[in-house]
Amino acid sequence: MNNSNDEEIKLVNGQLIATFIFIISLTITLIITYNEKLQKENKKPFFTNKESINIALINRIVLLILGGYFVYDAFRRKILAEENANNKNNKFNELTSNLQITASWFAFISSVIILFIIILNYNNLNFDISGTEGDNI
């Protein structure tokens, strides 16, 4: 195996781990949203409002870290694609790589904004958490 192939394998492994963490985060989001539904129906929720906000805050921090990783991953993949195109006479599509990087940045920025909203409303126990828990990565 060459160095480039090893790097690609590392990136794929990292993406698998990040995707698995994202699925767990999405499951947490579903639970928080269902918890809010139970509260609105005057049924016994799984968590108090304060617990829901704390869980949402941690969940958003994890998604922010994942967003940062996906930006890093997109940049590394572009660099590898450029190197492979130079070494193997493969066609490199810069537009595709740049679009992937742009999409990663948008996801990261939306994670920052949603985390900021949760932080601003941290002490507001009547805050609608489910409105901020969309999957944006």
C-alpha atoms as a PDB file:
ATOM      1  CA  MET A   1       0.000   0.000   0.000  1.00  0.00           C
ATOM      2  CA  ASN A   2       1.204   3.457  -0.755  1.00  0.00           C
ATOM      3  CA  ASN A   3       1.024   6.511   1.461  1.00  0.00           C
ATOM      4  CA  SER A   4      -1.930   7.997  -0.430  1.00  0.00           C
ATOM      5  CA  ASN A   5      -3.952   4.799  -0.097  1.00  0.00           C
ATOM      6  CA  ASP A   6      -3.218   4.648   3.649  1.00  0.00           C
ATOM      7  CA  GLU A   7      -4.426   8.224   4.010  1.00  0.00           C
ATOM      8  CA  GLU A   8      -7.620   7.427   2.099  1.00  0.00           C
ATOM      9  CA  ILE A   9      -8.272   4.440   4.357  1.00  0.00           C
ATOM     10  CA  LYS A  10      -7.791   6.635   7.433  1.00  0.00           C
ATOM     11  CA  LEU A  11     -10.240   9.169   6.045  1.00  0.00           C
ATOM     12  CA  VAL A  12     -12.837   6.494   5.288  1.00  0.00           C
ATOM     13  CA  ASN A  13     -12.421   5.023   8.783  1.00  0.00           C
ATOM     14  CA  GLY A  14     -12.803   8.491  10.285  1.00  0.00           C
ATOM     15  CA  GLN A  15     -15.897   9.116   8.220  1.00  0.00           C
ATOM     16  CA  LEU A  16     -17.414   5.796   9.351  1.00  0.00           C
ATOM     17  CA  ILE A  17     -16.848   6.715  12.993  1.00  0.00           C
ATOM     18  CA  ALA A  18     -18.176  10.253  12.483  1.00  0.00           C
ATOM     19  CA  THR A  19     -21.269   8.914  10.693  1.00  0.00           C
ATOM     20  CA  PHE A  20     -21.930   6.452  13.526  1.00  0.00           C
ATOM     21  CA  ILE A  21     -21.651   9.284  16.071  1.00  0.00           C
ATOM     22  CA  PHE A  22     -23.991  11.374  13.893  1.00  0.00           C
ATOM     23  CA  ILE A  23     -26.572   8.556  13.926  1.00  0.00           C
ATOM     24  CA  ILE A  24     -26.361   8.410  17.728  1.00  0.00           C
ATOM     25  CA  SER A  25     -26.781  12.191  17.864  1.00  0.00           C
ATOM     26  CA  LEU A  26     -29.786  11.984  15.557  1.00  0.00           C
ATOM     27  CA  THR A  27     -31.320   9.359  17.862  1.00  0.00           C
ATOM     28  CA  ILE A  28     -30.785  11.691  20.823  1.00  0.00           C
ATOM     29  CA  THR A  29     -32.496  14.450  18.846  1.00  0.00           C
ATOM     30  CA  LEU A  30     -35.491  12.179  18.215  1.00  0.00           C
ATOM     31  CA  ILE A  31     -35.718  11.350  21.922  1.00  0.00           C
ATOM     32  CA  ILE A  32     -35.550  15.036  22.911  1.00  0.00           C
ATOM     33  CA  THR A  33     -38.225  15.921  20.359  1.00  0.00           C
ATOM     34  CA  TYR A  34     -40.466  13.079  21.551  1.00  0.00           C
ATOM     35  CA  ASN A  35     -39.880  14.207  25.132  1.00  0.00           C
ATOM     36  CA  GLU A  36     -41.118  17.674  24.185  1.00  0.00           C
ATOM     37  CA  LYS A  37     -44.188  16.151  22.544  1.00  0.00           C
ATOM     38  CA  LEU A  38     -44.957  14.299  25.780  1.00  0.00           C
ATOM     39  CA  GLN A  39     -44.654  17.563  27.726  1.00  0.00           C
ATOM     40  CA  LYS A  40     -47.027  19.369  25.353  1.00  0.00           C
ATOM     41  CA  GLU A  41     -49.549  16.525  25.702  1.00  0.00           C
ATOM     42  CA  ASN A  42     -49.309  16.836  29.522  1.00  0.00           C
ATOM     43  CA  LYS A  43     -47.906  13.319  29.761  1.00  0.00           C
ATOM     44  CA  LYS A  44     -44.948  12.261  31.863  1.00  0.00           C
ATOM     45  CA  PRO A  45     -41.778  13.148  29.916  1.00  0.00           C
ATOM     46  CA  PHE A  46     -38.485  11.277  30.052  1.00  0.00           C
ATOM     47  CA  PHE A  47     -36.562  14.401  31.067  1.00  0.00           C
ATOM     48  CA  THR A  48     -37.205  17.714  32.780  1.00  0.00           C
ATOM     49  CA  ASN A  49     -36.802  20.897  30.738  1.00  0.00           C
ATOM     50  CA  LYS A  50     -33.412  21.542  32.326  1.00  0.00           C
ATOM     51  CA  GLU A  51     -32.233  18.006  31.528  1.00  0.00           C
ATOM     52  CA  SER A  52     -33.475  18.362  27.946  1.00  0.00           C
ATOM     53  CA  ILE A  53     -31.586  21.616  27.501  1.00  0.00           C
ATOM     54  CA  ASN A  54     -28.414  20.081  28.959  1.00  0.00           C
ATOM     55  CA  ILE A  55     -28.704  17.067  26.655  1.00  0.00           C
ATOM     56  CA  ALA A  56     -29.391  19.328  23.673  1.00  0.00           C
ATOM     57  CA  LEU A  57     -26.363  21.476  24.537  1.00  0.00           C
ATOM     58  CA  ILE A  58     -24.044  18.469  24.707  1.00  0.00           C
ATOM     59  CA  ASN A  59     -25.585  17.065  21.529  1.00  0.00           C
ATOM     60  CA  ARG A  60     -24.975  20.344  19.672  1.00  0.00           C
ATOM     61  CA  ILE A  61     -21.369  20.492  20.874  1.00  0.00           C
ATOM     62  CA  VAL A  62     -20.832  16.967  19.548  1.00  0.00           C
ATOM     63  CA  LEU A  63     -22.396  17.976  16.215  1.00  0.00           C
ATOM     64  CA  LEU A  64     -20.173  21.058  16.076  1.00  0.00           C
ATOM     65  CA  ILE A  65     -17.114  18.844  16.518  1.00  0.00           C
ATOM     66  CA  LEU A  66     -18.440  16.497  13.828  1.00  0.00           C
ATOM     67  CA  GLY A  67     -19.019  19.463  11.534  1.00  0.00           C
ATOM     68  CA  GLY A  68     -15.420  20.523  12.040  1.00  0.00           C
ATOM     69  CA  TYR A  69     -14.263  17.024  11.250  1.00  0.00           C
ATOM     70  CA  PHE A  70     -16.304  16.927   8.035  1.00  0.00           C
ATOM     71  CA  VAL A  71     -14.745  20.232   6.924  1.00  0.00           C
ATOM     72  CA  TYR A  72     -11.287  18.784   7.622  1.00  0.00           C
ATOM     73  CA  ASP A  73     -12.229  15.584   5.790  1.00  0.00           C
ATOM     74  CA  ALA A  74     -13.412  17.497   2.716  1.00  0.00           C
ATOM     75  CA  PHE A  75     -10.140  19.468   2.565  1.00  0.00           C
ATOM     76  CA  ARG A  76      -8.019  16.318   2.986  1.00  0.00           C
ATOM     77  CA  ARG A  77      -9.989  14.521   0.270  1.00  0.00           C
ATOM     78  CA  LYS A  78      -9.456  17.444  -2.109  1.00  0.00           C
ATOM     79  CA  ILE A  79      -5.707  17.407  -1.447  1.00  0.00           C
ATOM     80  CA  LEU A  80      -5.570  13.640  -1.968  1.00  0.00           C
ATOM     81  CA  ALA A  81      -7.606  13.886  -5.171  1.00  0.00           C
ATOM     82  CA  GLU A  82      -5.223  16.544  -6.509  1.00  0.00           C
ATOM     83  CA  GLU A  83      -2.199  14.389  -5.626  1.00  0.00           C
ATOM     84  CA  ASN A  84      -3.733  11.293  -7.174  1.00  0.00           C
ATOM     85  CA  ALA A  85      -4.629  13.202 -10.329  1.00  0.00           C
ATOM     86  CA  ASN A  86      -1.025  14.358 -10.651  1.00  0.00           C
ATOM     87  CA  ASN A  87       0.463  10.944  -9.911  1.00  0.00           C
ATOM     88  CA  LYS A  88      -1.860   8.705 -11.920  1.00  0.00           C
ATOM     89  CA  ASN A  89      -3.065  10.991 -14.691  1.00  0.00           C
ATOM     90  CA  ASN A  90      -6.563  10.770 -13.202  1.00  0.00           C
ATOM     91  CA  LYS A  91      -9.021  13.504 -13.956  1.00  0.00           C
ATOM     92  CA  PHE A  92      -9.510  15.770 -10.956  1.00  0.00           C
ATOM     93  CA  ASN A  93     -12.800  17.591 -10.677  1.00  0.00           C
ATOM     94  CA  GLU A  94     -12.094  20.752  -8.696  1.00  0.00           C
ATOM     95  CA  LEU A  95     -15.707  21.921  -8.832  1.00  0.00           C
ATOM     96  CA  THR A  96     -16.936  18.769  -7.087  1.00  0.00           C
ATOM     97  CA  SER A  97     -14.311  19.063  -4.366  1.00  0.00           C
ATOM     98  CA  ASN A  98     -15.051  22.739  -3.828  1.00  0.00           C
ATOM     99  CA  LEU A  99     -18.783  22.069  -3.606  1.00  0.00           C
ATOM    100  CA  GLN A 100     -18.148  19.372  -0.991  1.00  0.00           C
ATOM    101  CA  ILE A 101     -16.007  21.780   1.024  1.00  0.00           C
ATOM    102  CA  THR A 102     -18.675  24.490   0.725  1.00  0.00           C
ATOM    103  CA  ALA A 103     -21.399  22.098   1.892  1.00  0.00           C
ATOM    104  CA  SER A 104     -19.244  21.085   4.850  1.00  0.00           C
ATOM    105  CA  TRP A 105     -18.728  24.739   5.793  1.00  0.00           C
ATOM    106  CA  PHE A 106     -22.485  25.432   5.612  1.00  0.00           C
ATOM    107  CA  ALA A 107     -23.171  22.477   7.925  1.00  0.00           C
ATOM    108  CA  PHE A 108     -20.476  23.671  10.332  1.00  0.00           C
ATOM    109  CA  ILE A 109     -21.793  27.246  10.354  1.00  0.00           C
ATOM    110  CA  SER A 110     -25.362  26.081  10.957  1.00  0.00           C
ATOM    111  CA  SER A 111     -24.093  23.981  13.893  1.00  0.00           C
ATOM    112  CA  VAL A 112     -22.420  27.082  15.347  1.00  0.00           C
ATOM    113  CA  ILE A 113     -25.623  29.116  14.985  1.00  0.00           C
ATOM    114  CA  ILE A 114     -27.843  26.461  16.567  1.00  0.00           C
ATOM    115  CA  LEU A 115     -25.381  25.945  19.433  1.00  0.00           C
ATOM    116  CA  PHE A 116     -25.357  29.727  19.949  1.00  0.00           C
ATOM    117  CA  ILE A 117     -29.186  29.755  20.098  1.00  0.00           C
ATOM    118  CA  ILE A 118     -29.194  27.033  22.743  1.00  0.00           C
ATOM    119  CA  ILE A 119     -26.546  28.873  24.777  1.00  0.00           C
ATOM    120  CA  LEU A 120     -28.513  32.143  24.588  1.00  0.00           C
ATOM    121  CA  ASN A 121     -31.661  30.370  25.786  1.00  0.00           C
ATOM    122  CA  TYR A 122     -29.950  28.091  28.286  1.00  0.00           C
ATOM    123  CA  ASN A 123     -31.777  29.532  31.312  1.00  0.00           C
ATOM    124  CA  ASN A 124     -35.128  29.772  29.525  1.00  0.00           C
ATOM    125  CA  LEU A 125     -36.842  26.551  30.576  1.00  0.00           C
ATOM    126  CA  ASN A 126     -39.764  27.197  28.226  1.00  0.00           C
ATOM    127  CA  PHE A 127     -37.471  27.271  25.201  1.00  0.00           C
ATOM    128  CA  ASP A 128     -38.599  25.059  22.286  1.00  0.00           C
ATOM    129  CA  ILE A 129     -35.615  22.723  21.964  1.00  0.00           C
ATOM    130  CA  SER A 130     -37.020  20.640  19.141  1.00  0.00           C
ATOM    131  CA  GLY A 131     -36.984  23.672  16.870  1.00  0.00           C
ATOM    132  CA  THR A 132     -33.205  23.816  17.166  1.00  0.00           C
ATOM    133  CA  GLU A 133     -32.452  20.123  17.004  1.00  0.00           C
ATOM    134  CA  GLY A 134     -32.629  19.641  13.240  1.00  0.00           C
ATOM    135  CA  ASP A 135     -30.007  17.494  11.583  1.00  0.00           C
ATOM    136  CA  ASN A 136     -27.828  19.929   9.754  1.00  0.00           C
ATOM    137  CA  ILE A 137     -24.725  17.923   9.005  1.00  0.00           C
END
